[in-house]
Amino acid sequence: MSFMRPEAQATLWRWREALAGASGVAVGIWWMFSGATLTRGIGGVLALASLALLVAGIQRGRFRGRHGGPGVVRVDEGQIAYFGPLTGGVVALSEIAELSYDPSGRPAHWIFAQDGEPDLHIPETAEGADALFDVFASLPGLRVDAVLRAQKQARGSRIVVWTRPVPRAEIMH
């Protein structure tokens, strides 16, 4: 039996990394100013590491949204798979040519384009869509703030968030 309302529990879970980072920063600062020389050094390291966790946790918390949408997302061994009630598909991370966000869909969708294949549309509310944050972070040159800005846009048309950089050798030919 839980003593917490489900909405409160969901909010804490959404921001879990940020809360852990904030706690670590607080403990690290407390150790820096209240302990022996060794504890001060450890406190400083803990505060800096926790600050990095806090920043990453805020980004992840902003990315995580509603749940309960159509379909299931699985990210495994360099592939994204989406199994939906009407559509689905698989895209290899190495084959993604463009990542877009479509806020006009209900729910909004992430769109993965690859050369010679149909686009893969994944609702941002699909079960397991939180795992896409790590996928986005692994794309070369993608800025996480561009993903968060696109998600913040409530309406409009498709927003290109990232395009695969063209290798230098291909530019020369």
C-alpha atoms as a PDB file:
ATOM      1  CA  MET A   1       0.000   0.000   0.000  1.00  0.00           C
ATOM      2  CA  SER A   2       1.379   3.387  -0.997  1.00  0.00           C
ATOM      3  CA  PHE A   3       0.986   6.453   1.204  1.00  0.00           C
ATOM      4  CA  MET A   4       1.458   8.769  -1.751  1.00  0.00           C
ATOM      5  CA  ARG A   5      -0.993   9.874  -4.396  1.00  0.00           C
ATOM      6  CA  PRO A   6      -0.266   8.323  -7.813  1.00  0.00           C
ATOM      7  CA  GLU A   7       0.167  11.772  -9.406  1.00  0.00           C
ATOM      8  CA  ALA A   8       2.779  12.756  -6.815  1.00  0.00           C
ATOM      9  CA  GLN A   9       4.545   9.440  -7.227  1.00  0.00           C
ATOM     10  CA  ALA A  10       4.620   9.899 -11.024  1.00  0.00           C
ATOM     11  CA  THR A  11       6.054  13.411 -10.644  1.00  0.00           C
ATOM     12  CA  LEU A  12       8.818  12.199  -8.326  1.00  0.00           C
ATOM     13  CA  TRP A  13       9.621   9.352 -10.725  1.00  0.00           C
ATOM     14  CA  ARG A  14       9.753  11.751 -13.694  1.00  0.00           C
ATOM     15  CA  TRP A  15      12.314  13.959 -11.951  1.00  0.00           C
ATOM     16  CA  ARG A  16      14.227  11.166 -10.135  1.00  0.00           C
ATOM     17  CA  GLU A  17      17.700  11.947 -11.530  1.00  0.00           C
ATOM     18  CA  ALA A  18      17.322  15.672 -10.829  1.00  0.00           C
ATOM     19  CA  LEU A  19      16.228  14.949  -7.247  1.00  0.00           C
ATOM     20  CA  ALA A  20      19.171  12.585  -6.729  1.00  0.00           C
ATOM     21  CA  GLY A  21      21.547  15.202  -8.154  1.00  0.00           C
ATOM     22  CA  ALA A  22      20.141  17.956  -5.931  1.00  0.00           C
ATOM     23  CA  SER A  23      20.491  15.712  -2.880  1.00  0.00           C
ATOM     24  CA  GLY A  24      24.089  14.885  -3.806  1.00  0.00           C
ATOM     25  CA  VAL A  25      24.942  18.566  -4.286  1.00  0.00           C
ATOM     26  CA  ALA A  26      23.465  19.369  -0.865  1.00  0.00           C
ATOM     27  CA  VAL A  27      25.383  16.571   0.877  1.00  0.00           C
ATOM     28  CA  GLY A  28      28.595  17.473  -0.969  1.00  0.00           C
ATOM     29  CA  ILE A  29      28.356  21.132   0.038  1.00  0.00           C
ATOM     30  CA  TRP A  30      27.560  20.174   3.622  1.00  0.00           C
ATOM     31  CA  TRP A  31      30.656  17.911   3.720  1.00  0.00           C
ATOM     32  CA  MET A  32      32.788  20.659   2.160  1.00  0.00           C
ATOM     33  CA  PHE A  33      31.983  23.106   4.934  1.00  0.00           C
ATOM     34  CA  SER A  34      31.603  20.877   7.975  1.00  0.00           C
ATOM     35  CA  GLY A  35      34.169  18.121   7.826  1.00  0.00           C
ATOM     36  CA  ALA A  36      37.825  17.325   8.077  1.00  0.00           C
ATOM     37  CA  THR A  37      40.204  17.958   5.175  1.00  0.00           C
ATOM     38  CA  LEU A  38      39.545  14.554   3.580  1.00  0.00           C
ATOM     39  CA  THR A  39      35.775  14.987   3.865  1.00  0.00           C
ATOM     40  CA  ARG A  40      36.002  18.444   2.299  1.00  0.00           C
ATOM     41  CA  GLY A  41      37.749  17.018  -0.751  1.00  0.00           C
ATOM     42  CA  ILE A  42      35.258  14.179  -1.090  1.00  0.00           C
ATOM     43  CA  GLY A  43      32.429  16.667  -0.603  1.00  0.00           C
ATOM     44  CA  GLY A  44      33.732  18.815  -3.435  1.00  0.00           C
ATOM     45  CA  VAL A  45      33.977  15.849  -5.787  1.00  0.00           C
ATOM     46  CA  LEU A  46      30.503  14.682  -4.758  1.00  0.00           C
ATOM     47  CA  ALA A  47      29.036  18.158  -5.288  1.00  0.00           C
ATOM     48  CA  LEU A  48      30.552  18.464  -8.790  1.00  0.00           C
ATOM     49  CA  ALA A  49      29.494  14.966  -9.864  1.00  0.00           C
ATOM     50  CA  SER A  50      26.030  15.514  -8.455  1.00  0.00           C
ATOM     51  CA  LEU A  51      25.762  18.844 -10.277  1.00  0.00           C
ATOM     52  CA  ALA A  52      26.324  16.978 -13.559  1.00  0.00           C
ATOM     53  CA  LEU A  53      23.604  14.496 -12.554  1.00  0.00           C
ATOM     54  CA  LEU A  54      21.299  17.388 -11.639  1.00  0.00           C
ATOM     55  CA  VAL A  55      21.721  19.041 -15.059  1.00  0.00           C
ATOM     56  CA  ALA A  56      21.208  15.747 -16.922  1.00  0.00           C
ATOM     57  CA  GLY A  57      18.233  14.947 -14.688  1.00  0.00           C
ATOM     58  CA  ILE A  58      16.564  18.253 -15.499  1.00  0.00           C
ATOM     59  CA  GLN A  59      16.973  17.546 -19.220  1.00  0.00           C
ATOM     60  CA  ARG A  60      15.570  14.033 -18.844  1.00  0.00           C
ATOM     61  CA  GLY A  61      12.697  15.244 -16.685  1.00  0.00           C
ATOM     62  CA  ARG A  62      11.769  17.855 -19.281  1.00  0.00           C
ATOM     63  CA  PHE A  63      11.875  15.172 -21.998  1.00  0.00           C
ATOM     64  CA  ARG A  64       9.686  12.717 -20.152  1.00  0.00           C
ATOM     65  CA  GLY A  65       6.072  13.450 -20.704  1.00  0.00           C
ATOM     66  CA  ARG A  66       2.747  11.789 -20.637  1.00  0.00           C
ATOM     67  CA  HIS A  67       2.369   8.039 -20.956  1.00  0.00           C
ATOM     68  CA  GLY A  68      -0.375   5.678 -21.961  1.00  0.00           C
ATOM     69  CA  GLY A  69      -0.221   6.447 -25.673  1.00  0.00           C
ATOM     70  CA  PRO A  70      -0.469   3.939 -28.487  1.00  0.00           C
ATOM     71  CA  GLY A  71       2.204   1.321 -29.018  1.00  0.00           C
ATOM     72  CA  VAL A  72       5.467   0.185 -27.486  1.00  0.00           C
ATOM     73  CA  VAL A  73       9.033   1.360 -28.161  1.00  0.00           C
ATOM     74  CA  ARG A  74      12.063  -0.884 -27.712  1.00  0.00           C
ATOM     75  CA  VAL A  75      15.664   0.232 -28.106  1.00  0.00           C
ATOM     76  CA  ASP A  76      18.030  -2.696 -28.383  1.00  0.00           C
ATOM     77  CA  GLU A  77      21.461  -3.284 -29.931  1.00  0.00           C
ATOM     78  CA  GLY A  78      21.529  -0.180 -32.078  1.00  0.00           C
ATOM     79  CA  GLN A  79      17.943  -0.428 -33.277  1.00  0.00           C
ATOM     80  CA  ILE A  80      14.715   1.353 -32.442  1.00  0.00           C
ATOM     81  CA  ALA A  81      11.588  -0.743 -32.827  1.00  0.00           C
ATOM     82  CA  TYR A  82       8.052   0.598 -32.588  1.00  0.00           C
ATOM     83  CA  PHE A  83       5.081  -1.736 -32.368  1.00  0.00           C
ATOM     84  CA  GLY A  84       1.855   0.220 -32.690  1.00  0.00           C
ATOM     85  CA  PRO A  85      -1.787  -0.645 -33.130  1.00  0.00           C
ATOM     86  CA  LEU A  86      -1.841   0.593 -36.752  1.00  0.00           C
ATOM     87  CA  THR A  87       1.798   1.052 -37.761  1.00  0.00           C
ATOM     88  CA  GLY A  88       5.244   0.004 -36.679  1.00  0.00           C
ATOM     89  CA  GLY A  89       8.738  -0.572 -37.855  1.00  0.00           C
ATOM     90  CA  VAL A  90      12.407  -0.753 -37.061  1.00  0.00           C
ATOM     91  CA  VAL A  91      15.214   1.685 -37.773  1.00  0.00           C
ATOM     92  CA  ALA A  92      18.930   1.162 -37.182  1.00  0.00           C
ATOM     93  CA  LEU A  93      20.642   4.038 -35.376  1.00  0.00           C
ATOM     94  CA  SER A  94      23.401   4.054 -37.980  1.00  0.00           C
ATOM     95  CA  GLU A  95      20.817   4.480 -40.773  1.00  0.00           C
ATOM     96  CA  ILE A  96      18.895   7.442 -39.357  1.00  0.00           C
ATOM     97  CA  ALA A  97      19.258  10.313 -41.832  1.00  0.00           C
ATOM     98  CA  GLU A  98      16.950  12.811 -40.114  1.00  0.00           C
ATOM     99  CA  LEU A  99      15.050  13.222 -36.856  1.00  0.00           C
ATOM    100  CA  SER A 100      11.909  15.368 -36.805  1.00  0.00           C
ATOM    101  CA  TYR A 101       9.173  16.212 -34.354  1.00  0.00           C
ATOM    102  CA  ASP A 102       5.552  16.611 -35.436  1.00  0.00           C
ATOM    103  CA  PRO A 103       3.506  18.476 -32.810  1.00  0.00           C
ATOM    104  CA  SER A 104       0.417  18.458 -35.061  1.00  0.00           C
ATOM    105  CA  GLY A 105      -0.235  14.753 -34.468  1.00  0.00           C
ATOM    106  CA  ARG A 106      -2.375  13.628 -31.565  1.00  0.00           C
ATOM    107  CA  PRO A 107      -0.295  12.668 -29.739  1.00  0.00           C
ATOM    108  CA  ALA A 108       2.797  14.407 -31.107  1.00  0.00           C
ATOM    109  CA  HIS A 109       5.246  12.105 -32.932  1.00  0.00           C
ATOM    110  CA  TRP A 110       8.967  11.663 -33.346  1.00  0.00           C
ATOM    111  CA  ILE A 111       9.776  10.912 -36.985  1.00  0.00           C
ATOM    112  CA  PHE A 112      12.862   8.924 -37.960  1.00  0.00           C
ATOM    113  CA  ALA A 113      13.781   9.172 -41.658  1.00  0.00           C
ATOM    114  CA  GLN A 114      16.172   6.815 -43.377  1.00  0.00           C
ATOM    115  CA  ASP A 115      17.232   6.642 -47.013  1.00  0.00           C
ATOM    116  CA  GLY A 116      15.128   4.350 -49.178  1.00  0.00           C
ATOM    117  CA  GLU A 117      12.738   3.367 -46.394  1.00  0.00           C
ATOM    118  CA  PRO A 118       9.445   4.777 -45.143  1.00  0.00           C
ATOM    119  CA  ASP A 119       9.649   7.135 -42.171  1.00  0.00           C
ATOM    120  CA  LEU A 120       9.084   5.623 -38.734  1.00  0.00           C
ATOM    121  CA  HIS A 121       6.558   7.641 -36.693  1.00  0.00           C
ATOM    122  CA  ILE A 122       6.662   7.095 -32.930  1.00  0.00           C
ATOM    123  CA  PRO A 123       4.151   8.798 -30.617  1.00  0.00           C
ATOM    124  CA  GLU A 124       5.923  10.581 -27.769  1.00  0.00           C
ATOM    125  CA  THR A 125       3.442   8.965 -25.352  1.00  0.00           C
ATOM    126  CA  ALA A 126       4.161   5.374 -26.441  1.00  0.00           C
ATOM    127  CA  GLU A 127       5.240   2.959 -23.725  1.00  0.00           C
ATOM    128  CA  GLY A 128       9.049   3.017 -23.529  1.00  0.00           C
ATOM    129  CA  ALA A 129       9.428   6.299 -25.467  1.00  0.00           C
ATOM    130  CA  ASP A 130      11.550   7.652 -22.592  1.00  0.00           C
ATOM    131  CA  ALA A 131      14.386   5.465 -23.922  1.00  0.00           C
ATOM    132  CA  LEU A 132      14.544   7.696 -27.010  1.00  0.00           C
ATOM    133  CA  PHE A 133      16.341  10.364 -24.950  1.00  0.00           C
ATOM    134  CA  ASP A 134      19.469   8.194 -24.858  1.00  0.00           C
ATOM    135  CA  VAL A 135      19.126   7.501 -28.588  1.00  0.00           C
ATOM    136  CA  PHE A 136      18.947  11.225 -29.315  1.00  0.00           C
ATOM    137  CA  ALA A 137      21.999  11.888 -27.159  1.00  0.00           C
ATOM    138  CA  SER A 138      23.976   9.322 -29.171  1.00  0.00           C
ATOM    139  CA  LEU A 139      23.313  10.944 -32.561  1.00  0.00           C
ATOM    140  CA  PRO A 140      26.446  12.817 -33.735  1.00  0.00           C
ATOM    141  CA  GLY A 141      26.085  16.570 -33.379  1.00  0.00           C
ATOM    142  CA  LEU A 142      22.551  16.533 -31.972  1.00  0.00           C
ATOM    143  CA  ARG A 143      21.919  19.186 -29.338  1.00  0.00           C
ATOM    144  CA  VAL A 144      19.577  18.053 -26.569  1.00  0.00           C
ATOM    145  CA  ASP A 145      18.255  21.597 -26.178  1.00  0.00           C
ATOM    146  CA  ALA A 146      16.974  21.428 -29.793  1.00  0.00           C
ATOM    147  CA  VAL A 147      14.972  18.322 -28.859  1.00  0.00           C
ATOM    148  CA  LEU A 148      13.533  20.028 -25.776  1.00  0.00           C
ATOM    149  CA  ARG A 149      12.694  23.208 -27.743  1.00  0.00           C
ATOM    150  CA  ALA A 150      10.866  21.186 -30.392  1.00  0.00           C
ATOM    151  CA  GLN A 151       8.895  19.333 -27.717  1.00  0.00           C
ATOM    152  CA  LYS A 152       7.919  22.608 -26.103  1.00  0.00           C
ATOM    153  CA  GLN A 153       6.282  23.858 -29.305  1.00  0.00           C
ATOM    154  CA  ALA A 154       2.584  23.156 -28.846  1.00  0.00           C
ATOM    155  CA  ARG A 155       1.433  23.474 -32.460  1.00  0.00           C
ATOM    156  CA  GLY A 156       2.693  23.795 -35.938  1.00  0.00           C
ATOM    157  CA  SER A 157       4.168  21.622 -38.576  1.00  0.00           C
ATOM    158  CA  ARG A 158       7.021  19.150 -38.630  1.00  0.00           C
ATOM    159  CA  ILE A 159      10.256  20.447 -37.079  1.00  0.00           C
ATOM    160  CA  VAL A 160      13.575  19.014 -38.255  1.00  0.00           C
ATOM    161  CA  VAL A 161      15.625  18.552 -35.096  1.00  0.00           C
ATOM    162  CA  TRP A 162      18.684  16.806 -36.521  1.00  0.00           C
ATOM    163  CA  THR A 163      20.173  15.779 -39.869  1.00  0.00           C
ATOM    164  CA  ARG A 164      23.054  13.332 -40.163  1.00  0.00           C
ATOM    165  CA  PRO A 165      26.246  15.208 -40.983  1.00  0.00           C
ATOM    166  CA  VAL A 166      27.686  14.437 -44.410  1.00  0.00           C
ATOM    167  CA  PRO A 167      31.134  12.805 -44.106  1.00  0.00           C
ATOM    168  CA  ARG A 168      33.948  15.079 -45.254  1.00  0.00           C
ATOM    169  CA  ALA A 169      35.073  12.594 -47.908  1.00  0.00           C
ATOM    170  CA  GLU A 170      31.636  12.802 -49.612  1.00  0.00           C
ATOM    171  CA  ILE A 171      31.763  16.610 -49.664  1.00  0.00           C
ATOM    172  CA  MET A 172      35.083  16.562 -51.555  1.00  0.00           C
ATOM    173  CA  HIS A 173      33.726  14.359 -54.381  1.00  0.00           C
END
